[in-house]
Amino acid sequence: MEQRIDRLEEASARHESQISSLFGKIDDTNKSLAAIQNTLNQIRWMCLGAVAYYVFVEFGFLKALRFVG
């Protein structure tokens, strides 16, 4: 009976260390995903800015703004 309890305690301790290791990996993954999301947001805003600049240049809004200003 004592051996069975010792094995259960060892297995429990091993599982506890494995679970804490997995939670550490989850935290690292969440940080990586947040960094990827920030990069994608930067790319999106740069593309929208480029499209807006192209529209302004193509339709002559910059000339109109210079004329009014």
N, C-alpha and C. Protein backbone atom coordinates (compact mmCIF):
# COMPACT_ATOMS: atom_id res chain seq x y z
N MET A 1 0.83 -1.19 0.00
CA MET A 1 0.00 0.00 0.00
C MET A 1 0.88 1.26 0.00
N GLU A 2 1.96 1.22 0.77
CA GLU A 2 2.85 2.37 0.88
C GLU A 2 3.53 2.68 -0.46
N GLN A 3 3.89 1.64 -1.21
CA GLN A 3 4.53 1.83 -2.51
C GLN A 3 3.57 2.50 -3.49
N ARG A 4 2.32 2.09 -3.45
CA ARG A 4 1.32 2.68 -4.34
C ARG A 4 1.15 4.16 -4.04
N ILE A 5 1.15 4.52 -2.79
CA ILE A 5 1.00 5.93 -2.41
C ILE A 5 2.23 6.72 -2.86
N ASP A 6 3.41 6.13 -2.68
CA ASP A 6 4.64 6.80 -3.12
C ASP A 6 4.63 7.02 -4.63
N ARG A 7 4.19 6.00 -5.39
CA ARG A 7 4.12 6.16 -6.85
C ARG A 7 3.12 7.23 -7.25
N LEU A 8 1.99 7.26 -6.56
CA LEU A 8 0.99 8.29 -6.85
C LEU A 8 1.54 9.68 -6.56
N GLU A 9 2.27 9.83 -5.47
CA GLU A 9 2.85 11.13 -5.13
C GLU A 9 3.90 11.54 -6.16
N GLU A 10 4.71 10.60 -6.62
CA GLU A 10 5.70 10.91 -7.64
C GLU A 10 5.03 11.30 -8.96
N ALA A 11 4.00 10.57 -9.33
CA ALA A 11 3.28 10.89 -10.56
C ALA A 11 2.61 12.25 -10.45
N SER A 12 2.06 12.55 -9.29
CA SER A 12 1.42 13.84 -9.07
C SER A 12 2.43 14.98 -9.18
N ALA A 13 3.60 14.79 -8.59
CA ALA A 13 4.64 15.82 -8.67
C ALA A 13 5.11 16.00 -10.11
N ARG A 14 5.27 14.90 -10.85
CA ARG A 14 5.69 14.99 -12.25
C ARG A 14 4.64 15.70 -13.09
N HIS A 15 3.38 15.38 -12.86
CA HIS A 15 2.29 16.03 -13.60
C HIS A 15 2.22 17.51 -13.27
N GLU A 16 2.47 17.85 -12.02
CA GLU A 16 2.44 19.26 -11.62
C GLU A 16 3.53 20.05 -12.34
N SER A 17 4.72 19.47 -12.46
CA SER A 17 5.79 20.17 -13.16
C SER A 17 5.48 20.28 -14.66
N GLN A 18 4.87 19.24 -15.23
CA GLN A 18 4.51 19.28 -16.65
C GLN A 18 3.43 20.33 -16.90
N ILE A 19 2.47 20.43 -16.01
CA ILE A 19 1.39 21.41 -16.16
C ILE A 19 1.95 22.83 -16.06
N SER A 20 2.85 23.07 -15.11
CA SER A 20 3.42 24.42 -14.99
C SER A 20 4.26 24.75 -16.23
N SER A 21 4.93 23.76 -16.79
CA SER A 21 5.70 23.98 -18.02
C SER A 21 4.77 24.34 -19.18
N LEU A 22 3.64 23.66 -19.27
CA LEU A 22 2.69 23.95 -20.34
C LEU A 22 2.09 25.35 -20.20
N PHE A 23 1.80 25.76 -18.97
CA PHE A 23 1.28 27.12 -18.77
C PHE A 23 2.31 28.16 -19.16
N GLY A 24 3.58 27.89 -18.91
CA GLY A 24 4.64 28.80 -19.35
C GLY A 24 4.67 28.92 -20.86
N LYS A 25 4.50 27.79 -21.55
CA LYS A 25 4.48 27.82 -23.01
C LYS A 25 3.26 28.57 -23.53
N ILE A 26 2.14 28.45 -22.85
CA ILE A 26 0.93 29.17 -23.25
C ILE A 26 1.16 30.68 -23.14
N ASP A 27 1.81 31.10 -22.06
CA ASP A 27 2.10 32.53 -21.89
C ASP A 27 3.01 33.04 -23.02
N ASP A 28 4.03 32.25 -23.36
CA ASP A 28 4.92 32.65 -24.46
C ASP A 28 4.18 32.72 -25.78
N THR A 29 3.29 31.77 -26.00
CA THR A 29 2.50 31.76 -27.23
C THR A 29 1.58 32.98 -27.30
N ASN A 30 0.98 33.33 -26.18
CA ASN A 30 0.10 34.51 -26.16
C ASN A 30 0.89 35.79 -26.46
N LYS A 31 2.11 35.88 -25.93
CA LYS A 31 2.94 37.06 -26.22
C LYS A 31 3.31 37.12 -27.70
N SER A 32 3.62 35.96 -28.27
CA SER A 32 3.96 35.92 -29.69
C SER A 32 2.76 36.31 -30.55
N LEU A 33 1.59 35.81 -30.19
CA LEU A 33 0.39 36.16 -30.95
C LEU A 33 0.06 37.64 -30.86
N ALA A 34 0.28 38.23 -29.70
CA ALA A 34 0.05 39.67 -29.54
C ALA A 34 1.01 40.46 -30.41
N ALA A 35 2.27 40.03 -30.49
CA ALA A 35 3.24 40.72 -31.33
C ALA A 35 2.87 40.59 -32.81
N ILE A 36 2.40 39.42 -33.21
CA ILE A 36 1.96 39.22 -34.60
C ILE A 36 0.77 40.10 -34.91
N GLN A 37 -0.17 40.20 -33.97
CA GLN A 37 -1.35 41.04 -34.18
C GLN A 37 -0.94 42.51 -34.32
N ASN A 38 0.00 42.97 -33.51
CA ASN A 38 0.46 44.36 -33.61
C ASN A 38 1.12 44.61 -34.97
N THR A 39 1.90 43.66 -35.45
CA THR A 39 2.55 43.80 -36.75
C THR A 39 1.51 43.87 -37.86
N LEU A 40 0.51 43.01 -37.79
CA LEU A 40 -0.55 43.03 -38.80
C LEU A 40 -1.34 44.34 -38.77
N ASN A 41 -1.56 44.89 -37.59
CA ASN A 41 -2.23 46.18 -37.50
C ASN A 41 -1.39 47.28 -38.14
N GLN A 42 -0.08 47.24 -37.94
CA GLN A 42 0.80 48.23 -38.56
C GLN A 42 0.75 48.10 -40.08
N ILE A 43 0.77 46.88 -40.58
CA ILE A 43 0.71 46.67 -42.03
C ILE A 43 -0.61 47.18 -42.58
N ARG A 44 -1.70 46.90 -41.88
CA ARG A 44 -3.02 47.35 -42.33
C ARG A 44 -3.07 48.88 -42.43
N TRP A 45 -2.59 49.57 -41.41
CA TRP A 45 -2.66 51.04 -41.43
C TRP A 45 -1.72 51.63 -42.48
N MET A 46 -0.57 50.98 -42.71
CA MET A 46 0.32 51.46 -43.77
C MET A 46 -0.34 51.30 -45.13
N CYS A 47 -1.01 50.19 -45.35
CA CYS A 47 -1.70 49.97 -46.63
C CYS A 47 -2.84 50.97 -46.81
N LEU A 48 -3.60 51.21 -45.77
CA LEU A 48 -4.69 52.19 -45.87
C LEU A 48 -4.14 53.58 -46.13
N GLY A 49 -3.03 53.92 -45.50
CA GLY A 49 -2.41 55.21 -45.75
C GLY A 49 -1.91 55.33 -47.18
N ALA A 50 -1.34 54.25 -47.70
CA ALA A 50 -0.87 54.27 -49.09
C ALA A 50 -2.03 54.42 -50.05
N VAL A 51 -3.13 53.74 -49.79
CA VAL A 51 -4.31 53.85 -50.65
C VAL A 51 -4.88 55.27 -50.57
N ALA A 52 -4.96 55.83 -49.37
CA ALA A 52 -5.47 57.19 -49.23
C ALA A 52 -4.57 58.18 -49.96
N TYR A 53 -3.27 58.02 -49.84
CA TYR A 53 -2.35 58.91 -50.55
C TYR A 53 -2.53 58.79 -52.06
N TYR A 54 -2.67 57.57 -52.55
CA TYR A 54 -2.88 57.35 -53.99
C TYR A 54 -4.16 58.03 -54.46
N VAL A 55 -5.23 57.91 -53.68
CA VAL A 55 -6.51 58.54 -54.05
C VAL A 55 -6.35 60.05 -54.08
N PHE A 56 -5.69 60.60 -53.08
CA PHE A 56 -5.49 62.04 -53.06
C PHE A 56 -4.68 62.51 -54.26
N VAL A 57 -3.64 61.78 -54.59
CA VAL A 57 -2.79 62.17 -55.71
C VAL A 57 -3.52 61.98 -57.03
N GLU A 58 -4.22 60.86 -57.17
CA GLU A 58 -4.88 60.52 -58.43
C GLU A 58 -6.01 61.49 -58.75
N PHE A 59 -6.79 61.84 -57.77
CA PHE A 59 -7.93 62.71 -58.02
C PHE A 59 -7.63 64.19 -57.82
N GLY A 60 -6.42 64.51 -57.48
CA GLY A 60 -6.02 65.91 -57.40
C GLY A 60 -6.45 66.63 -56.14
N PHE A 61 -6.76 65.91 -55.11
CA PHE A 61 -7.18 66.55 -53.86
C PHE A 61 -6.04 67.38 -53.27
N LEU A 62 -4.83 66.97 -53.45
CA LEU A 62 -3.71 67.74 -52.91
C LEU A 62 -3.62 69.10 -53.62
N LYS A 63 -3.85 69.13 -54.94
CA LYS A 63 -3.85 70.41 -55.63
C LYS A 63 -4.99 71.30 -55.18
N ALA A 64 -6.13 70.69 -54.96
CA ALA A 64 -7.27 71.46 -54.48
C ALA A 64 -7.00 72.04 -53.10
N LEU A 65 -6.38 71.25 -52.24
CA LEU A 65 -6.05 71.72 -50.89
C LEU A 65 -5.02 72.84 -50.94
N ARG A 66 -4.07 72.77 -51.86
CA ARG A 66 -3.08 73.83 -52.02
C ARG A 66 -3.75 75.11 -52.52
N PHE A 67 -4.71 74.96 -53.42
CA PHE A 67 -5.42 76.11 -53.96
C PHE A 67 -6.24 76.81 -52.87
N VAL A 68 -6.92 76.05 -52.06
CA VAL A 68 -7.74 76.62 -50.98
C VAL A 68 -6.86 77.21 -49.90
N GLY A 69 -5.77 76.55 -49.61
CA GLY A 69 -4.88 76.98 -48.50
C GLY A 69 -4.02 78.08 -48.91
